[in-house]
């Protein structure tokens, strides 16, 4: 197969940092320079309002197919449908082909309440921390049918992790059973990887032949509301108060991913924290099962007919 190369980033959080537009511009220029087949952002892009219309337009005018995945904070000040329309997405979850690679954009942004699943909207999920991050029956059935309908290698993109119900989607084990059955039906490893944002970490694990790749943030590592560290001027700190609770990256983190018959290649990128690192601030130094680092490590993830291994 012809190698597929895509530029990948996550968690811009443009409304929460003073230089989000610079970070996005650098990523888009990188994708152009490297002639990526497509670009994709894994959620928490910006709030869907007119002040941010230029961000959505810049993304849509990237000069190559441009895809978005919904993140929980994309629905902090608007409905899910408003976020979908603002970001130019065809639906909350959907699929597309890039050469010989099939791609699925999943949506775990649902609350499991007594009356059934409810979309995230206007920050409603903050009130239900034990009910977060469900794919739901309808989406799981759609995913099963979508996978069955392709014979291509498949990558699943999401905001929250699909690796386990502790750190990500609560019904991820049901999704993994779909992967297991489809791979068995095909007699080969059809689902090769899942890639997520949300945790603002860099890491990879392999479960039953599927690579689960955590993609670091363009902007910062979030620590805790219990932490209060001043890293910028008084004016910037007052305008962007979350920076007291976060460890910002001096330069944006993003990567180019190449998929061949033999492997998934992830390009590395390093920067540094602005001010003290998370552990120096009293934070445990990890999230979602991965360490807090100001980098995306280079990786060569081998693909094998009998299963993948890190």
C-alpha atoms as a PDB file:
ATOM      1  CA  UNK A   1       0.000   0.000   0.000  1.00  0.00           C
ATOM      2  CA  UNK A   2       1.060   3.611  -0.514  1.00  0.00           C
ATOM      3  CA  UNK A   3       2.090   5.048   2.861  1.00  0.00           C
ATOM      4  CA  UNK A   4      -0.544   7.333   4.397  1.00  0.00           C
ATOM      5  CA  UNK A   5       0.811  10.355   6.234  1.00  0.00           C
ATOM      6  CA  UNK A   6      -1.348  12.545   8.444  1.00  0.00           C
ATOM      7  CA  UNK A   7      -0.632  15.482  10.725  1.00  0.00           C
ATOM      8  CA  UNK A   8      -2.079  14.884  14.184  1.00  0.00           C
ATOM      9  CA  UNK A   9      -2.708  17.167  17.145  1.00  0.00           C
ATOM     10  CA  UNK A  10      -5.033  17.468  20.109  1.00  0.00           C
ATOM     11  CA  UNK A  11      -6.328  19.694  22.890  1.00  0.00           C
ATOM     12  CA  UNK A  12      -5.576  23.158  21.543  1.00  0.00           C
ATOM     13  CA  UNK A  13      -7.883  24.754  24.171  1.00  0.00           C
ATOM     14  CA  UNK A  14      -7.552  28.041  22.334  1.00  0.00           C
ATOM     15  CA  UNK A  15      -9.765  29.953  24.788  1.00  0.00           C
ATOM     16  CA  UNK A  16      -7.588  28.948  27.746  1.00  0.00           C
ATOM     17  CA  UNK A  17      -4.130  30.002  26.547  1.00  0.00           C
ATOM     18  CA  UNK A  18      -2.783  33.367  25.364  1.00  0.00           C
ATOM     19  CA  UNK A  19      -1.131  32.056  22.189  1.00  0.00           C
ATOM     20  CA  UNK A  20      -3.542  29.426  20.873  1.00  0.00           C
ATOM     21  CA  UNK A  21      -3.777  30.981  17.431  1.00  0.00           C
ATOM     22  CA  UNK A  22       0.005  30.926  17.062  1.00  0.00           C
ATOM     23  CA  UNK A  23       0.056  27.256  18.025  1.00  0.00           C
ATOM     24  CA  UNK A  24      -2.629  26.374  15.498  1.00  0.00           C
ATOM     25  CA  UNK A  25      -0.889  28.385  12.761  1.00  0.00           C
ATOM     26  CA  UNK A  26       2.359  26.536  13.383  1.00  0.00           C
ATOM     27  CA  UNK A  27       0.612  23.171  13.163  1.00  0.00           C
ATOM     28  CA  UNK A  28      -1.130  24.073   9.889  1.00  0.00           C
ATOM     29  CA  UNK A  29       2.145  25.294   8.399  1.00  0.00           C
ATOM     30  CA  UNK A  30       3.792  22.032   9.491  1.00  0.00           C
ATOM     31  CA  UNK A  31       1.073  19.987   7.771  1.00  0.00           C
ATOM     32  CA  UNK A  32       1.520  22.009   4.588  1.00  0.00           C
ATOM     33  CA  UNK A  33       5.300  21.747   4.673  1.00  0.00           C
ATOM     34  CA  UNK A  34       5.198  17.989   5.218  1.00  0.00           C
ATOM     35  CA  UNK A  35       2.461  17.496   2.594  1.00  0.00           C
ATOM     36  CA  UNK A  36       0.214  15.519   4.939  1.00  0.00           C
ATOM     37  CA  UNK A  37      -2.592  13.545   3.305  1.00  0.00           C
ATOM     38  CA  UNK A  38      -4.977  14.898   5.929  1.00  0.00           C
ATOM     39  CA  UNK A  39      -5.031  16.620   9.310  1.00  0.00           C
ATOM     40  CA  UNK A  40      -7.001  15.665  12.399  1.00  0.00           C
ATOM     41  CA  UNK A  41      -7.486  17.236  15.838  1.00  0.00           C
ATOM     42  CA  UNK A  42      -8.605  15.001  18.713  1.00  0.00           C
ATOM     43  CA  UNK A  43     -10.943  17.300  20.627  1.00  0.00           C
ATOM     44  CA  UNK A  44     -11.057  20.400  22.867  1.00  0.00           C
ATOM     45  CA  UNK A  45     -10.348  22.785  19.984  1.00  0.00           C
ATOM     46  CA  UNK A  46     -12.185  25.942  21.063  1.00  0.00           C
ATOM     47  CA  UNK A  47     -15.587  27.200  22.167  1.00  0.00           C
ATOM     48  CA  UNK A  48     -18.128  27.409  19.359  1.00  0.00           C
ATOM     49  CA  UNK A  49     -18.720  31.160  19.194  1.00  0.00           C
ATOM     50  CA  UNK A  50     -18.235  33.969  16.694  1.00  0.00           C
ATOM     51  CA  UNK A  51     -15.055  35.131  18.391  1.00  0.00           C
ATOM     52  CA  UNK A  52     -13.495  31.825  17.328  1.00  0.00           C
ATOM     53  CA  UNK A  53     -14.939  31.676  13.833  1.00  0.00           C
ATOM     54  CA  UNK A  54     -11.492  32.390  12.370  1.00  0.00           C
ATOM     55  CA  UNK A  55     -10.130  29.217  13.974  1.00  0.00           C
ATOM     56  CA  UNK A  56     -12.770  26.991  12.399  1.00  0.00           C
ATOM     57  CA  UNK A  57     -12.273  28.727   9.058  1.00  0.00           C
ATOM     58  CA  UNK A  58      -8.495  28.309   9.207  1.00  0.00           C
ATOM     59  CA  UNK A  59      -8.945  24.616   9.925  1.00  0.00           C
ATOM     60  CA  UNK A  60     -11.354  24.184   7.022  1.00  0.00           C
ATOM     61  CA  UNK A  61      -9.040  26.077   4.663  1.00  0.00           C
ATOM     62  CA  UNK A  62      -5.993  23.910   5.361  1.00  0.00           C
ATOM     63  CA  UNK A  63      -5.675  22.837   1.736  1.00  0.00           C
ATOM     64  CA  UNK A  64      -6.163  19.137   2.532  1.00  0.00           C
ATOM     65  CA  UNK A  65      -8.907  17.040   4.132  1.00  0.00           C
ATOM     66  CA  UNK A  66      -9.342  18.333   7.683  1.00  0.00           C
ATOM     67  CA  UNK A  67     -11.120  16.362  10.390  1.00  0.00           C
ATOM     68  CA  UNK A  68     -12.194  17.054  13.949  1.00  0.00           C
ATOM     69  CA  UNK A  69     -13.114  14.813  16.873  1.00  0.00           C
ATOM     70  CA  UNK A  70     -15.390  16.128  19.612  1.00  0.00           C
ATOM     71  CA  UNK A  71     -13.864  16.777  23.041  1.00  0.00           C
ATOM     72  CA  UNK A  72     -15.787  17.336  26.257  1.00  0.00           C
ATOM     73  CA  UNK A  73     -14.791  21.012  26.494  1.00  0.00           C
ATOM     74  CA  UNK A  74     -16.057  21.649  22.974  1.00  0.00           C
ATOM     75  CA  UNK A  75     -19.503  21.490  24.638  1.00  0.00           C
ATOM     76  CA  UNK A  76     -18.810  23.722  27.648  1.00  0.00           C
ATOM     77  CA  UNK A  77     -20.788  26.709  26.310  1.00  0.00           C
ATOM     78  CA  UNK A  78     -22.983  25.217  23.587  1.00  0.00           C
ATOM     79  CA  UNK A  79     -24.830  22.090  22.517  1.00  0.00           C
ATOM     80  CA  UNK A  80     -23.155  19.143  20.823  1.00  0.00           C
ATOM     81  CA  UNK A  81     -24.939  19.913  17.561  1.00  0.00           C
ATOM     82  CA  UNK A  82     -23.684  23.488  17.659  1.00  0.00           C
ATOM     83  CA  UNK A  83     -20.131  22.189  18.135  1.00  0.00           C
ATOM     84  CA  UNK A  84     -20.531  19.751  15.231  1.00  0.00           C
ATOM     85  CA  UNK A  85     -21.751  22.503  12.907  1.00  0.00           C
ATOM     86  CA  UNK A  86     -19.159  25.018  14.077  1.00  0.00           C
ATOM     87  CA  UNK A  87     -16.282  22.576  13.505  1.00  0.00           C
ATOM     88  CA  UNK A  88     -17.602  21.510  10.097  1.00  0.00           C
ATOM     89  CA  UNK A  89     -18.090  17.878  11.113  1.00  0.00           C
ATOM     90  CA  UNK A  90     -20.569  15.652   9.244  1.00  0.00           C
ATOM     91  CA  UNK A  91     -21.867  14.175  12.534  1.00  0.00           C
ATOM     92  CA  UNK A  92     -20.709  13.571  16.134  1.00  0.00           C
ATOM     93  CA  UNK A  93     -19.239  10.241  14.979  1.00  0.00           C
ATOM     94  CA  UNK A  94     -18.381   9.303  11.406  1.00  0.00           C
ATOM     95  CA  UNK A  95     -15.812   7.545   9.228  1.00  0.00           C
ATOM     96  CA  UNK A  96     -13.686   8.267   6.174  1.00  0.00           C
ATOM     97  CA  UNK A  97     -11.058   6.586   4.029  1.00  0.00           C
ATOM     98  CA  UNK A  98      -7.516   7.800   3.409  1.00  0.00           C
ATOM     99  CA  UNK A  99      -6.056   5.597   0.713  1.00  0.00           C
ATOM    100  CA  UNK A 100      -5.915   2.054   2.069  1.00  0.00           C
ATOM    101  CA  UNK A 101      -6.599   3.160   5.647  1.00  0.00           C
ATOM    102  CA  UNK A 102     -10.121   3.399   7.069  1.00  0.00           C
ATOM    103  CA  UNK A 103     -10.568   5.997   9.815  1.00  0.00           C
ATOM    104  CA  UNK A 104     -13.321   6.254  12.422  1.00  0.00           C
ATOM    105  CA  UNK A 105     -14.005   9.348  14.538  1.00  0.00           C
ATOM    106  CA  UNK A 106     -15.768   8.144  17.689  1.00  0.00           C
ATOM    107  CA  UNK A 107     -17.715  10.166  20.258  1.00  0.00           C
ATOM    108  CA  UNK A 108     -17.670   9.081  23.928  1.00  0.00           C
ATOM    109  CA  UNK A 109     -19.161  12.419  25.042  1.00  0.00           C
ATOM    110  CA  UNK A 110     -22.360  11.087  26.614  1.00  0.00           C
ATOM    111  CA  UNK A 111     -23.703  10.957  30.148  1.00  0.00           C
ATOM    112  CA  UNK A 112     -25.345   7.738  31.345  1.00  0.00           C
ATOM    113  CA  UNK A 113     -28.287   9.083  33.364  1.00  0.00           C
ATOM    114  CA  UNK A 114     -31.411   7.388  34.705  1.00  0.00           C
ATOM    115  CA  UNK A 115     -33.394   8.387  31.630  1.00  0.00           C
ATOM    116  CA  UNK A 116     -30.763   7.089  29.217  1.00  0.00           C
ATOM    117  CA  UNK A 117     -27.776   8.577  27.411  1.00  0.00           C
ATOM    118  CA  UNK A 118     -27.565  12.352  27.230  1.00  0.00           C
ATOM    119  CA  UNK A 119     -25.283  14.432  25.033  1.00  0.00           C
ATOM    120  CA  UNK A 120     -22.769  16.712  26.668  1.00  0.00           C
ATOM    121  CA  UNK A 121     -23.923  20.311  26.385  1.00  0.00           C
ATOM    122  CA  UNK A 122     -23.357  23.596  28.228  1.00  0.00           C
ATOM    123  CA  UNK A 123     -20.940  21.874  30.603  1.00  0.00           C
ATOM    124  CA  UNK A 124     -23.612  19.539  32.014  1.00  0.00           C
ATOM    125  CA  UNK A 125     -21.062  16.773  32.533  1.00  0.00           C
ATOM    126  CA  UNK A 126     -19.369  18.688  35.382  1.00  0.00           C
ATOM    127  CA  UNK A 127     -22.334  17.825  37.621  1.00  0.00           C
ATOM    128  CA  UNK A 128     -22.087  14.068  36.948  1.00  0.00           C
ATOM    129  CA  UNK A 129     -18.455  12.938  37.397  1.00  0.00           C
ATOM    130  CA  UNK A 130     -19.487   9.291  37.880  1.00  0.00           C
ATOM    131  CA  UNK A 131     -21.645   9.204  34.714  1.00  0.00           C
ATOM    132  CA  UNK A 132     -19.119  10.398  32.128  1.00  0.00           C
ATOM    133  CA  UNK A 133     -17.759   9.138  28.831  1.00  0.00           C
ATOM    134  CA  UNK A 134     -20.098   6.605  27.247  1.00  0.00           C
ATOM    135  CA  UNK A 135     -20.251   5.558  23.599  1.00  0.00           C
ATOM    136  CA  UNK A 136     -23.696   3.994  23.957  1.00  0.00           C
ATOM    137  CA  UNK A 137     -25.592   1.176  22.241  1.00  0.00           C
ATOM    138  CA  UNK A 138     -26.442   3.034  19.029  1.00  0.00           C
ATOM    139  CA  UNK A 139     -22.874   4.169  18.384  1.00  0.00           C
ATOM    140  CA  UNK A 140     -21.430   0.755  19.217  1.00  0.00           C
ATOM    141  CA  UNK A 141     -23.801  -0.881  16.731  1.00  0.00           C
ATOM    142  CA  UNK A 142     -22.863   1.717  14.121  1.00  0.00           C
ATOM    143  CA  UNK A 143     -19.171   1.044  14.804  1.00  0.00           C
ATOM    144  CA  UNK A 144     -19.683  -2.697  14.416  1.00  0.00           C
ATOM    145  CA  UNK A 145     -21.450  -2.252  11.065  1.00  0.00           C
ATOM    146  CA  UNK A 146     -18.929   0.330   9.853  1.00  0.00           C
ATOM    147  CA  UNK A 147     -16.004  -1.984  10.628  1.00  0.00           C
ATOM    148  CA  UNK A 148     -17.722  -4.908   8.968  1.00  0.00           C
ATOM    149  CA  UNK A 149     -18.228  -2.799   5.845  1.00  0.00           C
ATOM    150  CA  UNK A 150     -14.539  -2.138   5.168  1.00  0.00           C
ATOM    151  CA  UNK A 151     -11.634  -4.398   4.276  1.00  0.00           C
ATOM    152  CA  UNK A 152      -8.998  -1.740   5.025  1.00  0.00           C
ATOM    153  CA  UNK A 153      -6.662  -1.352   7.978  1.00  0.00           C
ATOM    154  CA  UNK A 154      -8.566   0.768  10.487  1.00  0.00           C
ATOM    155  CA  UNK A 155      -7.620   3.486  12.974  1.00  0.00           C
ATOM    156  CA  UNK A 156     -10.164   4.758  15.507  1.00  0.00           C
ATOM    157  CA  UNK A 157      -9.793   8.350  16.726  1.00  0.00           C
ATOM    158  CA  UNK A 158     -11.461   9.662  19.879  1.00  0.00           C
ATOM    159  CA  UNK A 159     -11.016  12.313  22.545  1.00  0.00           C
ATOM    160  CA  UNK A 160     -11.218  10.067  25.593  1.00  0.00           C
ATOM    161  CA  UNK A 161      -9.189   6.864  25.651  1.00  0.00           C
ATOM    162  CA  UNK A 162     -10.748   3.662  24.352  1.00  0.00           C
ATOM    163  CA  UNK A 163      -8.183   1.498  26.156  1.00  0.00           C
ATOM    164  CA  UNK A 164     -10.082   0.877  29.382  1.00  0.00           C
ATOM    165  CA  UNK A 165     -13.125   2.035  31.380  1.00  0.00           C
ATOM    166  CA  UNK A 166     -11.063   3.622  34.176  1.00  0.00           C
ATOM    167  CA  UNK A 167      -9.315   6.342  32.184  1.00  0.00           C
ATOM    168  CA  UNK A 168     -11.636   6.623  29.195  1.00  0.00           C
ATOM    169  CA  UNK A 169     -14.898   5.428  27.678  1.00  0.00           C
ATOM    170  CA  UNK A 170     -16.877   3.486  30.264  1.00  0.00           C
ATOM    171  CA  UNK A 171     -18.069   0.953  27.677  1.00  0.00           C
ATOM    172  CA  UNK A 172     -14.656   0.545  26.041  1.00  0.00           C
ATOM    173  CA  UNK A 173     -14.638  -3.175  26.849  1.00  0.00           C
ATOM    174  CA  UNK A 174     -17.701  -3.617  24.634  1.00  0.00           C
ATOM    175  CA  UNK A 175     -15.884  -1.793  21.846  1.00  0.00           C
ATOM    176  CA  UNK A 176     -12.856  -4.038  22.293  1.00  0.00           C
ATOM    177  CA  UNK A 177     -15.124  -7.072  21.947  1.00  0.00           C
ATOM    178  CA  UNK A 178     -16.284  -5.650  18.601  1.00  0.00           C
ATOM    179  CA  UNK A 179     -12.628  -5.315  17.564  1.00  0.00           C
ATOM    180  CA  UNK A 180     -11.925  -8.866  18.721  1.00  0.00           C
ATOM    181  CA  UNK A 181     -14.824 -10.366  16.787  1.00  0.00           C
ATOM    182  CA  UNK A 182     -14.124  -8.399  13.613  1.00  0.00           C
ATOM    183  CA  UNK A 183     -10.434  -9.286  13.641  1.00  0.00           C
ATOM    184  CA  UNK A 184     -11.371 -12.949  14.155  1.00  0.00           C
ATOM    185  CA  UNK A 185     -13.976 -12.810  11.367  1.00  0.00           C
ATOM    186  CA  UNK A 186     -11.386 -11.377   8.965  1.00  0.00           C
ATOM    187  CA  UNK A 187      -8.613 -13.664  10.103  1.00  0.00           C
ATOM    188  CA  UNK A 188      -6.258 -10.691  10.414  1.00  0.00           C
ATOM    189  CA  UNK A 189      -5.596  -7.529  12.414  1.00  0.00           C
ATOM    190  CA  UNK A 190      -8.081  -5.088  10.839  1.00  0.00           C
ATOM    191  CA  UNK A 191      -8.146  -2.587  13.734  1.00  0.00           C
ATOM    192  CA  UNK A 192      -4.528  -1.542  14.140  1.00  0.00           C
ATOM    193  CA  UNK A 193      -4.720   1.477  16.456  1.00  0.00           C
ATOM    194  CA  UNK A 194      -6.842   3.820  18.538  1.00  0.00           C
ATOM    195  CA  UNK A 195      -5.595   7.375  19.088  1.00  0.00           C
ATOM    196  CA  UNK A 196      -6.919   9.746  21.746  1.00  0.00           C
ATOM    197  CA  UNK A 197      -6.293  13.110  23.347  1.00  0.00           C
ATOM    198  CA  UNK A 198      -7.934  14.365  26.583  1.00  0.00           C
ATOM    199  CA  UNK A 199      -5.222  13.290  29.037  1.00  0.00           C
ATOM    200  CA  UNK A 200      -2.580  15.692  27.656  1.00  0.00           C
ATOM    201  CA  UNK A 201       0.024  12.923  27.822  1.00  0.00           C
ATOM    202  CA  UNK A 202       2.246  10.953  25.484  1.00  0.00           C
ATOM    203  CA  UNK A 203       2.104   7.167  25.686  1.00  0.00           C
ATOM    204  CA  UNK A 204       1.184   3.880  24.069  1.00  0.00           C
ATOM    205  CA  UNK A 205      -0.041   0.490  25.207  1.00  0.00           C
ATOM    206  CA  UNK A 206      -1.015  -2.580  23.206  1.00  0.00           C
ATOM    207  CA  UNK A 207      -4.043  -4.729  23.994  1.00  0.00           C
ATOM    208  CA  UNK A 208      -4.984  -7.764  21.915  1.00  0.00           C
ATOM    209  CA  UNK A 209      -2.961  -6.507  18.975  1.00  0.00           C
ATOM    210  CA  UNK A 210      -4.369  -2.950  18.998  1.00  0.00           C
ATOM    211  CA  UNK A 211      -2.126   0.030  19.758  1.00  0.00           C
ATOM    212  CA  UNK A 212      -3.759   2.583  22.066  1.00  0.00           C
ATOM    213  CA  UNK A 213      -1.875   5.850  21.556  1.00  0.00           C
ATOM    214  CA  UNK A 214      -2.308   8.868  23.825  1.00  0.00           C
ATOM    215  CA  UNK A 215      -1.540  12.108  21.950  1.00  0.00           C
ATOM    216  CA  UNK A 216      -0.149  15.046  23.896  1.00  0.00           C
ATOM    217  CA  UNK A 217      -1.719  18.501  23.886  1.00  0.00           C
ATOM    218  CA  UNK A 218      -0.760  21.379  21.625  1.00  0.00           C
ATOM    219  CA  UNK A 219      -0.791  23.634  24.673  1.00  0.00           C
ATOM    220  CA  UNK A 220      -0.351  22.307  28.224  1.00  0.00           C
ATOM    221  CA  UNK A 221      -0.574  19.538  30.801  1.00  0.00           C
ATOM    222  CA  UNK A 222      -3.451  20.105  33.205  1.00  0.00           C
ATOM    223  CA  UNK A 223      -2.608  19.381  36.839  1.00  0.00           C
ATOM    224  CA  UNK A 224      -5.281  20.226  39.417  1.00  0.00           C
ATOM    225  CA  UNK A 225      -7.411  23.023  40.825  1.00  0.00           C
ATOM    226  CA  UNK A 226      -5.476  22.456  44.077  1.00  0.00           C
ATOM    227  CA  UNK A 227      -2.300  23.777  42.434  1.00  0.00           C
ATOM    228  CA  UNK A 228      -1.619  27.495  42.119  1.00  0.00           C
ATOM    229  CA  UNK A 229       1.565  28.453  40.263  1.00  0.00           C
ATOM    230  CA  UNK A 230       2.086  31.865  38.660  1.00  0.00           C
ATOM    231  CA  UNK A 231       4.100  31.541  35.426  1.00  0.00           C
ATOM    232  CA  UNK A 232       3.122  34.653  33.461  1.00  0.00           C
ATOM    233  CA  UNK A 233       2.456  38.340  34.010  1.00  0.00           C
ATOM    234  CA  UNK A 234      -0.427  39.431  36.209  1.00  0.00           C
ATOM    235  CA  UNK A 235      -2.429  40.490  33.138  1.00  0.00           C
ATOM    236  CA  UNK A 236      -2.069  37.127  31.373  1.00  0.00           C
ATOM    237  CA  UNK A 237      -2.680  35.181  34.579  1.00  0.00           C
ATOM    238  CA  UNK A 238      -5.895  37.087  35.270  1.00  0.00           C
ATOM    239  CA  UNK A 239      -7.109  36.663  31.678  1.00  0.00           C
ATOM    240  CA  UNK A 240      -6.266  32.939  31.567  1.00  0.00           C
ATOM    241  CA  UNK A 241      -6.680  31.742  35.171  1.00  0.00           C
ATOM    242  CA  UNK A 242      -6.432  28.027  34.310  1.00  0.00           C
ATOM    243  CA  UNK A 243      -2.722  28.579  33.694  1.00  0.00           C
ATOM    244  CA  UNK A 244      -2.270  28.623  37.480  1.00  0.00           C
ATOM    245  CA  UNK A 245      -3.423  24.984  37.495  1.00  0.00           C
ATOM    246  CA  UNK A 246      -1.587  23.850  34.360  1.00  0.00           C
ATOM    247  CA  UNK A 247       1.959  23.292  33.130  1.00  0.00           C
ATOM    248  CA  UNK A 248       2.074  25.001  29.707  1.00  0.00           C
ATOM    249  CA  UNK A 249       4.368  23.867  26.904  1.00  0.00           C
ATOM    250  CA  UNK A 250       6.729  26.518  25.592  1.00  0.00           C
ATOM    251  CA  UNK A 251       6.165  25.338  22.007  1.00  0.00           C
ATOM    252  CA  UNK A 252       3.195  23.414  20.574  1.00  0.00           C
ATOM    253  CA  UNK A 253       3.291  19.624  20.401  1.00  0.00           C
ATOM    254  CA  UNK A 254       2.037  17.779  17.323  1.00  0.00           C
ATOM    255  CA  UNK A 255       3.235  14.973  15.087  1.00  0.00           C
ATOM    256  CA  UNK A 256       3.236  13.386  11.656  1.00  0.00           C
ATOM    257  CA  UNK A 257       2.010   9.785  11.603  1.00  0.00           C
ATOM    258  CA  UNK A 258       2.870   7.461   8.710  1.00  0.00           C
ATOM    259  CA  UNK A 259       1.071   4.170   8.147  1.00  0.00           C
ATOM    260  CA  UNK A 260       2.617   1.483   5.947  1.00  0.00           C
ATOM    261  CA  UNK A 261       2.035  -2.248   5.542  1.00  0.00           C
ATOM    262  CA  UNK A 262       4.736  -2.886   8.127  1.00  0.00           C
ATOM    263  CA  UNK A 263       4.365  -0.239  10.807  1.00  0.00           C
ATOM    264  CA  UNK A 264       2.904   2.946  12.235  1.00  0.00           C
ATOM    265  CA  UNK A 265       5.592   5.611  12.522  1.00  0.00           C
ATOM    266  CA  UNK A 266       5.094   8.532  14.929  1.00  0.00           C
ATOM    267  CA  UNK A 267       7.490  11.456  14.588  1.00  0.00           C
ATOM    268  CA  UNK A 268       8.892  12.864  17.806  1.00  0.00           C
ATOM    269  CA  UNK A 269       8.740  16.447  19.011  1.00  0.00           C
ATOM    270  CA  UNK A 270      10.205  17.984  22.174  1.00  0.00           C
ATOM    271  CA  UNK A 271       9.697  21.207  24.043  1.00  0.00           C
ATOM    272  CA  UNK A 272       9.832  22.221  27.705  1.00  0.00           C
ATOM    273  CA  UNK A 273       7.431  23.341  30.394  1.00  0.00           C
ATOM    274  CA  UNK A 274       7.046  27.052  31.029  1.00  0.00           C
ATOM    275  CA  UNK A 275       8.166  27.217  34.647  1.00  0.00           C
ATOM    276  CA  UNK A 276       8.256  24.233  36.998  1.00  0.00           C
ATOM    277  CA  UNK A 277       7.336  20.741  35.796  1.00  0.00           C
ATOM    278  CA  UNK A 278       4.263  19.012  37.306  1.00  0.00           C
ATOM    279  CA  UNK A 279       6.208  17.023  39.915  1.00  0.00           C
ATOM    280  CA  UNK A 280       7.931  20.208  41.071  1.00  0.00           C
ATOM    281  CA  UNK A 281       4.445  21.644  41.673  1.00  0.00           C
ATOM    282  CA  UNK A 282       3.401  18.728  43.892  1.00  0.00           C
ATOM    283  CA  UNK A 283       1.506  16.859  41.165  1.00  0.00           C
ATOM    284  CA  UNK A 284       1.876  13.067  40.862  1.00  0.00           C
ATOM    285  CA  UNK A 285       3.285  13.533  37.371  1.00  0.00           C
ATOM    286  CA  UNK A 286       0.985  11.305  35.352  1.00  0.00           C
ATOM    287  CA  UNK A 287      -2.555  11.100  33.949  1.00  0.00           C
ATOM    288  CA  UNK A 288      -4.525   8.432  32.160  1.00  0.00           C
ATOM    289  CA  UNK A 289      -1.843   5.855  32.894  1.00  0.00           C
ATOM    290  CA  UNK A 290       0.941   7.845  31.196  1.00  0.00           C
ATOM    291  CA  UNK A 291       3.616  10.235  32.541  1.00  0.00           C
ATOM    292  CA  UNK A 292       3.389  14.016  32.185  1.00  0.00           C
ATOM    293  CA  UNK A 293       6.066  15.011  29.679  1.00  0.00           C
ATOM    294  CA  UNK A 294       6.629  17.997  27.397  1.00  0.00           C
ATOM    295  CA  UNK A 295       7.141  15.828  24.334  1.00  0.00           C
ATOM    296  CA  UNK A 296       5.785  13.383  21.803  1.00  0.00           C
ATOM    297  CA  UNK A 297       8.223  10.504  21.589  1.00  0.00           C
ATOM    298  CA  UNK A 298       9.228   9.007  18.230  1.00  0.00           C
ATOM    299  CA  UNK A 299       7.816   5.529  17.779  1.00  0.00           C
ATOM    300  CA  UNK A 300       7.913   2.665  15.318  1.00  0.00           C
ATOM    301  CA  UNK A 301       4.942   0.417  16.052  1.00  0.00           C
ATOM    302  CA  UNK A 302       5.247  -2.785  14.087  1.00  0.00           C
ATOM    303  CA  UNK A 303       2.226  -4.331  12.394  1.00  0.00           C
ATOM    304  CA  UNK A 304       2.005  -8.087  12.102  1.00  0.00           C
ATOM    305  CA  UNK A 305      -0.657 -10.420  10.750  1.00  0.00           C
ATOM    306  CA  UNK A 306      -0.777 -12.312  14.006  1.00  0.00           C
ATOM    307  CA  UNK A 307      -1.030  -9.244  16.216  1.00  0.00           C
ATOM    308  CA  UNK A 308       0.918  -6.104  17.016  1.00  0.00           C
ATOM    309  CA  UNK A 309       3.560  -5.608  19.638  1.00  0.00           C
ATOM    310  CA  UNK A 310       5.041  -2.380  21.021  1.00  0.00           C
END
